[in-house]
Amino acid sequence: MAQSPRRQAPACYQLRVGGHLDDHWSAWFGDLTLTHESDGTTSLSGLVSDQAELHGLLMKVRDLGVTLISVAIIDPSDSIDHQ
């Protein structure tokens, strides 16, 4: 018998993309915080409720045509430090 999937708890994620996204994209990414990094990348960080929301964010990155550099679960205090 197949196991029913467990519900994933919300987690803080950081997505890094190539280039500096304009601030107007902030609303499109919901509650994620956009941070322009000194290395020319943009970090999008914040609470993601589940895998479905994470996949939706990844599709938005794809649709923008920017390069996805990394996806990582981070400590919630790390996303607060950037705000």
PDB file of N, CA and C in Angstrom:
ATOM      1  N   MET A   1       0.823  -1.183   0.000  1.00  0.00           N
ATOM      2  CA  MET A   1       0.000   0.000   0.000  1.00  0.00           C
ATOM      3  C   MET A   1       0.872   1.253   0.000  1.00  0.00           C
ATOM      4  N   ALA A   2       0.477   2.232  -0.712  1.00  0.00           N
ATOM      5  CA  ALA A   2       1.228   3.489  -0.756  1.00  0.00           C
ATOM      6  C   ALA A   2       0.944   4.308   0.491  1.00  0.00           C
ATOM      7  N   GLN A   3       1.998   4.930   0.989  1.00  0.00           N
ATOM      8  CA  GLN A   3       1.828   5.808   2.137  1.00  0.00           C
ATOM      9  C   GLN A   3       1.246   7.126   1.686  1.00  0.00           C
ATOM     10  N   SER A   4       0.408   7.699   2.529  1.00  0.00           N
ATOM     11  CA  SER A   4      -0.088   9.035   2.201  1.00  0.00           C
ATOM     12  C   SER A   4       1.004  10.037   2.545  1.00  0.00           C
ATOM     13  N   PRO A   5       1.159  11.068   1.720  1.00  0.00           N
ATOM     14  CA  PRO A   5       2.228  12.040   1.948  1.00  0.00           C
ATOM     15  C   PRO A   5       2.017  12.800   3.254  1.00  0.00           C
ATOM     16  N   ARG A   6       3.142  13.043   3.936  1.00  0.00           N
ATOM     17  CA  ARG A   6       3.090  13.845   5.158  1.00  0.00           C
ATOM     18  C   ARG A   6       3.029  15.315   4.791  1.00  0.00           C
ATOM     19  N   ARG A   7       2.330  16.060   5.577  1.00  0.00           N
ATOM     20  CA  ARG A   7       2.251  17.512   5.390  1.00  0.00           C
ATOM     21  C   ARG A   7       3.561  18.123   5.865  1.00  0.00           C
ATOM     22  N   GLN A   8       4.194  18.906   5.016  1.00  0.00           N
ATOM     23  CA  GLN A   8       5.453  19.544   5.361  1.00  0.00           C
ATOM     24  C   GLN A   8       5.192  20.814   6.153  1.00  0.00           C
ATOM     25  N   ALA A   9       5.983  21.016   7.188  1.00  0.00           N
ATOM     26  CA  ALA A   9       5.886  22.244   7.978  1.00  0.00           C
ATOM     27  C   ALA A   9       6.484  23.394   7.180  1.00  0.00           C
ATOM     28  N   PRO A  10       5.989  24.614   7.386  1.00  0.00           N
ATOM     29  CA  PRO A  10       6.588  25.779   6.722  1.00  0.00           C
ATOM     30  C   PRO A  10       8.076  25.896   7.084  1.00  0.00           C
ATOM     31  N   ALA A  11       8.857  26.430   6.159  1.00  0.00           N
ATOM     32  CA  ALA A  11      10.294  26.616   6.375  1.00  0.00           C
ATOM     33  C   ALA A  11      10.728  27.906   5.704  1.00  0.00           C
ATOM     34  N   CYS A  12      11.812  28.477   6.200  1.00  0.00           N
ATOM     35  CA  CYS A  12      12.389  29.665   5.570  1.00  0.00           C
ATOM     36  C   CYS A  12      13.345  29.209   4.471  1.00  0.00           C
ATOM     37  N   TYR A  13      13.184  29.798   3.307  1.00  0.00           N
ATOM     38  CA  TYR A  13      14.019  29.464   2.154  1.00  0.00           C
ATOM     39  C   TYR A  13      14.725  30.715   1.653  1.00  0.00           C
ATOM     40  N   GLN A  14      15.856  30.473   0.995  1.00  0.00           N
ATOM     41  CA  GLN A  14      16.541  31.535   0.271  1.00  0.00           C
ATOM     42  C   GLN A  14      16.781  31.025  -1.146  1.00  0.00           C
ATOM     43  N   LEU A  15      16.253  31.755  -2.113  1.00  0.00           N
ATOM     44  CA  LEU A  15      16.506  31.476  -3.526  1.00  0.00           C
ATOM     45  C   LEU A  15      17.455  32.559  -4.009  1.00  0.00           C
ATOM     46  N   ARG A  16      18.513  32.169  -4.697  1.00  0.00           N
ATOM     47  CA  ARG A  16      19.446  33.150  -5.272  1.00  0.00           C
ATOM     48  C   ARG A  16      19.349  33.069  -6.779  1.00  0.00           C
ATOM     49  N   VAL A  17      19.252  34.233  -7.403  1.00  0.00           N
ATOM     50  CA  VAL A  17      19.165  34.303  -8.855  1.00  0.00           C
ATOM     51  C   VAL A  17      20.234  35.250  -9.380  1.00  0.00           C
ATOM     52  N   GLY A  18      20.616  35.046 -10.620  1.00  0.00           N
ATOM     53  CA  GLY A  18      21.614  35.897 -11.252  1.00  0.00           C
ATOM     54  C   GLY A  18      21.050  37.270 -11.559  1.00  0.00           C
ATOM     55  N   GLY A  19      21.846  38.297 -11.346  1.00  0.00           N
ATOM     56  CA  GLY A  19      21.436  39.669 -11.630  1.00  0.00           C
ATOM     57  C   GLY A  19      20.663  40.292 -10.480  1.00  0.00           C
ATOM     58  N   HIS A  20      20.444  41.583 -10.594  1.00  0.00           N
ATOM     59  CA  HIS A  20      19.656  42.313  -9.602  1.00  0.00           C
ATOM     60  C   HIS A  20      18.253  42.518 -10.154  1.00  0.00           C
ATOM     61  N   LEU A  21      17.272  41.882  -9.501  1.00  0.00           N
ATOM     62  CA  LEU A  21      15.882  42.074  -9.906  1.00  0.00           C
ATOM     63  C   LEU A  21      15.421  43.458  -9.473  1.00  0.00           C
ATOM     64  N   ASP A  22      14.638  44.103 -10.322  1.00  0.00           N
ATOM     65  CA  ASP A  22      14.047  45.388  -9.949  1.00  0.00           C
ATOM     66  C   ASP A  22      13.104  45.189  -8.762  1.00  0.00           C
ATOM     67  N   ASP A  23      13.011  46.209  -7.926  1.00  0.00           N
ATOM     68  CA  ASP A  23      12.173  46.122  -6.731  1.00  0.00           C
ATOM     69  C   ASP A  23      10.702  45.877  -7.044  1.00  0.00           C
ATOM     70  N   HIS A  24      10.243  46.250  -8.235  1.00  0.00           N
ATOM     71  CA  HIS A  24       8.827  46.049  -8.557  1.00  0.00           C
ATOM     72  C   HIS A  24       8.454  44.565  -8.619  1.00  0.00           C
ATOM     73  N   TRP A  25       9.433  43.659  -8.722  1.00  0.00           N
ATOM     74  CA  TRP A  25       9.145  42.220  -8.715  1.00  0.00           C
ATOM     75  C   TRP A  25       8.820  41.718  -7.317  1.00  0.00           C
ATOM     76  N   SER A  26       9.088  42.507  -6.306  1.00  0.00           N
ATOM     77  CA  SER A  26       8.848  42.101  -4.920  1.00  0.00           C
ATOM     78  C   SER A  26       7.406  41.656  -4.700  1.00  0.00           C
ATOM     79  N   ALA A  27       6.445  42.390  -5.212  1.00  0.00           N
ATOM     80  CA  ALA A  27       5.034  42.050  -5.028  1.00  0.00           C
ATOM     81  C   ALA A  27       4.695  40.719  -5.697  1.00  0.00           C
ATOM     82  N   TRP A  28       5.329  40.412  -6.817  1.00  0.00           N
ATOM     83  CA  TRP A  28       5.063  39.170  -7.541  1.00  0.00           C
ATOM     84  C   TRP A  28       5.512  37.953  -6.743  1.00  0.00           C
ATOM     85  N   PHE A  29       6.536  38.133  -5.907  1.00  0.00           N
ATOM     86  CA  PHE A  29       7.051  37.042  -5.094  1.00  0.00           C
ATOM     87  C   PHE A  29       6.433  37.013  -3.697  1.00  0.00           C
ATOM     88  N   GLY A  30       5.329  37.719  -3.505  1.00  0.00           N
ATOM     89  CA  GLY A  30       4.584  37.643  -2.254  1.00  0.00           C
ATOM     90  C   GLY A  30       5.353  38.183  -1.068  1.00  0.00           C
ATOM     91  N   ASP A  31       5.453  37.355  -0.045  1.00  0.00           N
ATOM     92  CA  ASP A  31       6.067  37.793   1.209  1.00  0.00           C
ATOM     93  C   ASP A  31       7.581  37.636   1.238  1.00  0.00           C
ATOM     94  N   LEU A  32       8.193  37.217   0.136  1.00  0.00           N
ATOM     95  CA  LEU A  32       9.648  37.059   0.138  1.00  0.00           C
ATOM     96  C   LEU A  32      10.327  38.421   0.078  1.00  0.00           C
ATOM     97  N   THR A  33      11.457  38.516   0.746  1.00  0.00           N
ATOM     98  CA  THR A  33      12.251  39.736   0.759  1.00  0.00           C
ATOM     99  C   THR A  33      13.306  39.653  -0.339  1.00  0.00           C
ATOM    100  N   LEU A  34      13.375  40.665  -1.201  1.00  0.00           N
ATOM    101  CA  LEU A  34      14.389  40.729  -2.249  1.00  0.00           C
ATOM    102  C   LEU A  34      15.569  41.534  -1.724  1.00  0.00           C
ATOM    103  N   THR A  35      16.760  40.952  -1.830  1.00  0.00           N
ATOM    104  CA  THR A  35      17.980  41.624  -1.385  1.00  0.00           C
ATOM    105  C   THR A  35      18.989  41.595  -2.516  1.00  0.00           C
ATOM    106  N   HIS A  36      19.486  42.756  -2.907  1.00  0.00           N
ATOM    107  CA  HIS A  36      20.541  42.835  -3.923  1.00  0.00           C
ATOM    108  C   HIS A  36      21.873  42.565  -3.235  1.00  0.00           C
ATOM    109  N   GLU A  37      22.530  41.505  -3.636  1.00  0.00           N
ATOM    110  CA  GLU A  37      23.815  41.121  -3.044  1.00  0.00           C
ATOM    111  C   GLU A  37      24.961  41.807  -3.778  1.00  0.00           C
ATOM    112  N   SER A  38      26.092  41.955  -3.085  1.00  0.00           N
ATOM    113  CA  SER A  38      27.242  42.655  -3.665  1.00  0.00           C
ATOM    114  C   SER A  38      27.887  41.892  -4.816  1.00  0.00           C
ATOM    115  N   ASP A  39      27.600  40.594  -4.933  1.00  0.00           N
ATOM    116  CA  ASP A  39      28.178  39.801  -6.023  1.00  0.00           C
ATOM    117  C   ASP A  39      27.351  39.852  -7.302  1.00  0.00           C
ATOM    118  N   GLY A  40      26.328  40.734  -7.336  1.00  0.00           N
ATOM    119  CA  GLY A  40      25.520  40.887  -8.542  1.00  0.00           C
ATOM    120  C   GLY A  40      24.328  39.962  -8.609  1.00  0.00           C
ATOM    121  N   THR A  41      24.034  39.249  -7.532  1.00  0.00           N
ATOM    122  CA  THR A  41      22.885  38.357  -7.492  1.00  0.00           C
ATOM    123  C   THR A  41      21.771  38.975  -6.652  1.00  0.00           C
ATOM    124  N   THR A  42      20.600  38.348  -6.692  1.00  0.00           N
ATOM    125  CA  THR A  42      19.482  38.744  -5.842  1.00  0.00           C
ATOM    126  C   THR A  42      19.093  37.555  -4.986  1.00  0.00           C
ATOM    127  N   SER A  43      18.904  37.788  -3.696  1.00  0.00           N
ATOM    128  CA  SER A  43      18.394  36.768  -2.792  1.00  0.00           C
ATOM    129  C   SER A  43      16.925  37.044  -2.544  1.00  0.00           C
ATOM    130  N   LEU A  44      16.117  36.001  -2.622  1.00  0.00           N
ATOM    131  CA  LEU A  44      14.699  36.075  -2.279  1.00  0.00           C
ATOM    132  C   LEU A  44      14.550  35.171  -1.059  1.00  0.00           C
ATOM    133  N   SER A  45      14.173  35.734   0.080  1.00  0.00           N
ATOM    134  CA  SER A  45      14.123  34.922   1.281  1.00  0.00           C
ATOM    135  C   SER A  45      12.854  35.173   2.067  1.00  0.00           C
ATOM    136  N   GLY A  46      12.415  34.103   2.748  1.00  0.00           N
ATOM    137  CA  GLY A  46      11.245  34.216   3.592  1.00  0.00           C
ATOM    138  C   GLY A  46      10.586  32.873   3.811  1.00  0.00           C
ATOM    139  N   LEU A  47       9.462  32.903   4.502  1.00  0.00           N
ATOM    140  CA  LEU A  47       8.724  31.702   4.861  1.00  0.00           C
ATOM    141  C   LEU A  47       7.966  31.152   3.655  1.00  0.00           C
ATOM    142  N   VAL A  48       8.127  29.856   3.422  1.00  0.00           N
ATOM    143  CA  VAL A  48       7.420  29.154   2.349  1.00  0.00           C
ATOM    144  C   VAL A  48       6.587  28.073   3.035  1.00  0.00           C
ATOM    145  N   SER A  49       5.295  28.067   2.777  1.00  0.00           N
ATOM    146  CA  SER A  49       4.387  27.214   3.540  1.00  0.00           C
ATOM    147  C   SER A  49       4.516  25.725   3.238  1.00  0.00           C
ATOM    148  N   ASP A  50       4.843  25.359   1.997  1.00  0.00           N
ATOM    149  CA  ASP A  50       4.944  23.943   1.653  1.00  0.00           C
ATOM    150  C   ASP A  50       5.631  23.785   0.294  1.00  0.00           C
ATOM    151  N   GLN A  51       5.790  22.536  -0.131  1.00  0.00           N
ATOM    152  CA  GLN A  51       6.461  22.257  -1.400  1.00  0.00           C
ATOM    153  C   GLN A  51       5.711  22.828  -2.596  1.00  0.00           C
ATOM    154  N   ALA A  52       4.392  22.857  -2.528  1.00  0.00           N
ATOM    155  CA  ALA A  52       3.612  23.417  -3.632  1.00  0.00           C
ATOM    156  C   ALA A  52       3.940  24.899  -3.811  1.00  0.00           C
ATOM    157  N   GLU A  53       4.030  25.636  -2.722  1.00  0.00           N
ATOM    158  CA  GLU A  53       4.391  27.053  -2.823  1.00  0.00           C
ATOM    159  C   GLU A  53       5.815  27.214  -3.338  1.00  0.00           C
ATOM    160  N   LEU A  54       6.734  26.368  -2.883  1.00  0.00           N
ATOM    161  CA  LEU A  54       8.117  26.425  -3.354  1.00  0.00           C
ATOM    162  C   LEU A  54       8.186  26.191  -4.859  1.00  0.00           C
ATOM    163  N   HIS A  55       7.467  25.202  -5.345  1.00  0.00           N
ATOM    164  CA  HIS A  55       7.464  24.930  -6.786  1.00  0.00           C
ATOM    165  C   HIS A  55       6.854  26.094  -7.565  1.00  0.00           C
ATOM    166  N   GLY A  56       5.848  26.752  -6.993  1.00  0.00           N
ATOM    167  CA  GLY A  56       5.272  27.936  -7.630  1.00  0.00           C
ATOM    168  C   GLY A  56       6.287  29.060  -7.741  1.00  0.00           C
ATOM    169  N   LEU A  57       7.091  29.248  -6.688  1.00  0.00           N
ATOM    170  CA  LEU A  57       8.139  30.275  -6.726  1.00  0.00           C
ATOM    171  C   LEU A  57       9.190  29.937  -7.782  1.00  0.00           C
ATOM    172  N   LEU A  58       9.554  28.663  -7.865  1.00  0.00           N
ATOM    173  CA  LEU A  58      10.534  28.246  -8.867  1.00  0.00           C
ATOM    174  C   LEU A  58      10.011  28.470 -10.282  1.00  0.00           C
ATOM    175  N   MET A  59       8.716  28.265 -10.495  1.00  0.00           N
ATOM    176  CA  MET A  59       8.131  28.531 -11.815  1.00  0.00           C
ATOM    177  C   MET A  59       8.174  30.029 -12.126  1.00  0.00           C
ATOM    178  N   LYS A  60       7.983  30.874 -11.124  1.00  0.00           N
ATOM    179  CA  LYS A  60       8.069  32.322 -11.353  1.00  0.00           C
ATOM    180  C   LYS A  60       9.480  32.716 -11.754  1.00  0.00           C
ATOM    181  N   VAL A  61      10.488  32.125 -11.098  1.00  0.00           N
ATOM    182  CA  VAL A  61      11.881  32.397 -11.464  1.00  0.00           C
ATOM    183  C   VAL A  61      12.110  31.960 -12.909  1.00  0.00           C
ATOM    184  N   ARG A  62      11.617  30.787 -13.257  1.00  0.00           N
ATOM    185  CA  ARG A  62      11.748  30.291 -14.635  1.00  0.00           C
ATOM    186  C   ARG A  62      11.082  31.242 -15.622  1.00  0.00           C
ATOM    187  N   ASP A  63       9.872  31.673 -15.288  1.00  0.00           N
ATOM    188  CA  ASP A  63       9.114  32.542 -16.188  1.00  0.00           C
ATOM    189  C   ASP A  63       9.791  33.897 -16.393  1.00  0.00           C
ATOM    190  N   LEU A  64      10.552  34.357 -15.398  1.00  0.00           N
ATOM    191  CA  LEU A  64      11.293  35.617 -15.548  1.00  0.00           C
ATOM    192  C   LEU A  64      12.491  35.459 -16.479  1.00  0.00           C
ATOM    193  N   GLY A  65      12.935  34.225 -16.652  1.00  0.00           N
ATOM    194  CA  GLY A  65      14.086  33.981 -17.523  1.00  0.00           C
ATOM    195  C   GLY A  65      15.413  34.295 -16.865  1.00  0.00           C
ATOM    196  N   VAL A  66      15.441  34.362 -15.543  1.00  0.00           N
ATOM    197  CA  VAL A  66      16.705  34.604 -14.842  1.00  0.00           C
ATOM    198  C   VAL A  66      17.321  33.264 -14.437  1.00  0.00           C
ATOM    199  N   THR A  67      18.613  33.272 -14.184  1.00  0.00           N
ATOM    200  CA  THR A  67      19.327  32.065 -13.808  1.00  0.00           C
ATOM    201  C   THR A  67      19.141  31.778 -12.331  1.00  0.00           C
ATOM    202  N   LEU A  68      18.647  30.589 -12.013  1.00  0.00           N
ATOM    203  CA  LEU A  68      18.534  30.148 -10.636  1.00  0.00           C
ATOM    204  C   LEU A  68      19.896  29.620 -10.208  1.00  0.00           C
ATOM    205  N   ILE A  69      20.456  30.209  -9.152  1.00  0.00           N
ATOM    206  CA  ILE A  69      21.781  29.817  -8.682  1.00  0.00           C
ATOM    207  C   ILE A  69      21.680  28.789  -7.563  1.00  0.00           C
ATOM    208  N   SER A  70      20.771  29.030  -6.605  1.00  0.00           N
ATOM    209  CA  SER A  70      20.650  28.085  -5.499  1.00  0.00           C
ATOM    210  C   SER A  70      19.299  28.221  -4.810  1.00  0.00           C
ATOM    211  N   VAL A  71      18.943  27.145  -4.109  1.00  0.00           N
ATOM    212  CA  VAL A  71      17.763  27.112  -3.254  1.00  0.00           C
ATOM    213  C   VAL A  71      18.222  26.467  -1.957  1.00  0.00           C
ATOM    214  N   ALA A  72      17.968  27.121  -0.828  1.00  0.00           N
ATOM    215  CA  ALA A  72      18.413  26.582   0.450  1.00  0.00           C
ATOM    216  C   ALA A  72      17.406  26.877   1.546  1.00  0.00           C
ATOM    217  N   ILE A  73      17.282  25.939   2.469  1.00  0.00           N
ATOM    218  CA  ILE A  73      16.533  26.200   3.696  1.00  0.00           C
ATOM    219  C   ILE A  73      17.476  26.961   4.610  1.00  0.00           C
ATOM    220  N   ILE A  74      16.983  28.049   5.181  1.00  0.00           N
ATOM    221  CA  ILE A  74      17.823  28.888   6.037  1.00  0.00           C
ATOM    222  C   ILE A  74      17.200  29.041   7.417  1.00  0.00           C
ATOM    223  N   ASP A  75      17.998  29.504   8.344  1.00  0.00           N
ATOM    224  CA  ASP A  75      17.524  29.830   9.679  1.00  0.00           C
ATOM    225  C   ASP A  75      16.643  31.069   9.558  1.00  0.00           C
ATOM    226  N   PRO A  76      15.476  31.083  10.206  1.00  0.00           N
ATOM    227  CA  PRO A  76      14.573  32.248  10.088  1.00  0.00           C
ATOM    228  C   PRO A  76      15.243  33.567  10.454  1.00  0.00           C
ATOM    229  N   SER A  77      16.194  33.568  11.380  1.00  0.00           N
ATOM    230  CA  SER A  77      16.866  34.812  11.759  1.00  0.00           C
ATOM    231  C   SER A  77      17.718  35.359  10.625  1.00  0.00           C
ATOM    232  N   ASP A  78      18.174  34.487   9.700  1.00  0.00           N
ATOM    233  CA  ASP A  78      18.949  34.958   8.547  1.00  0.00           C
ATOM    234  C   ASP A  78      18.112  35.825   7.627  1.00  0.00           C
ATOM    235  N   SER A  79      16.828  35.480   7.441  1.00  0.00           N
ATOM    236  CA  SER A  79      15.989  36.283   6.555  1.00  0.00           C
ATOM    237  C   SER A  79      15.602  37.603   7.221  1.00  0.00           C
ATOM    238  N   ILE A  80      15.544  37.641   8.545  1.00  0.00           N
ATOM    239  CA  ILE A  80      15.241  38.880   9.264  1.00  0.00           C
ATOM    240  C   ILE A  80      16.430  39.829   9.199  1.00  0.00           C
ATOM    241  N   ASP A  81      17.663  39.289   9.240  1.00  0.00           N
ATOM    242  CA  ASP A  81      18.847  40.124   9.202  1.00  0.00           C
ATOM    243  C   ASP A  81      18.949  40.956   7.932  1.00  0.00           C
ATOM    244  N   HIS A  82      18.388  40.455   6.808  1.00  0.00           N
ATOM    245  CA  HIS A  82      18.474  41.171   5.534  1.00  0.00           C
ATOM    246  C   HIS A  82      17.435  42.275   5.396  1.00  0.00           C
ATOM    247  N   GLN A  83      16.430  42.309   6.280  1.00  0.00           N
ATOM    248  CA  GLN A  83      15.342  43.262   6.085  1.00  0.00           C
ATOM    249  C   GLN A  83      15.687  44.634   6.554  1.00  0.00           C
TER     250      GLN A  83
END
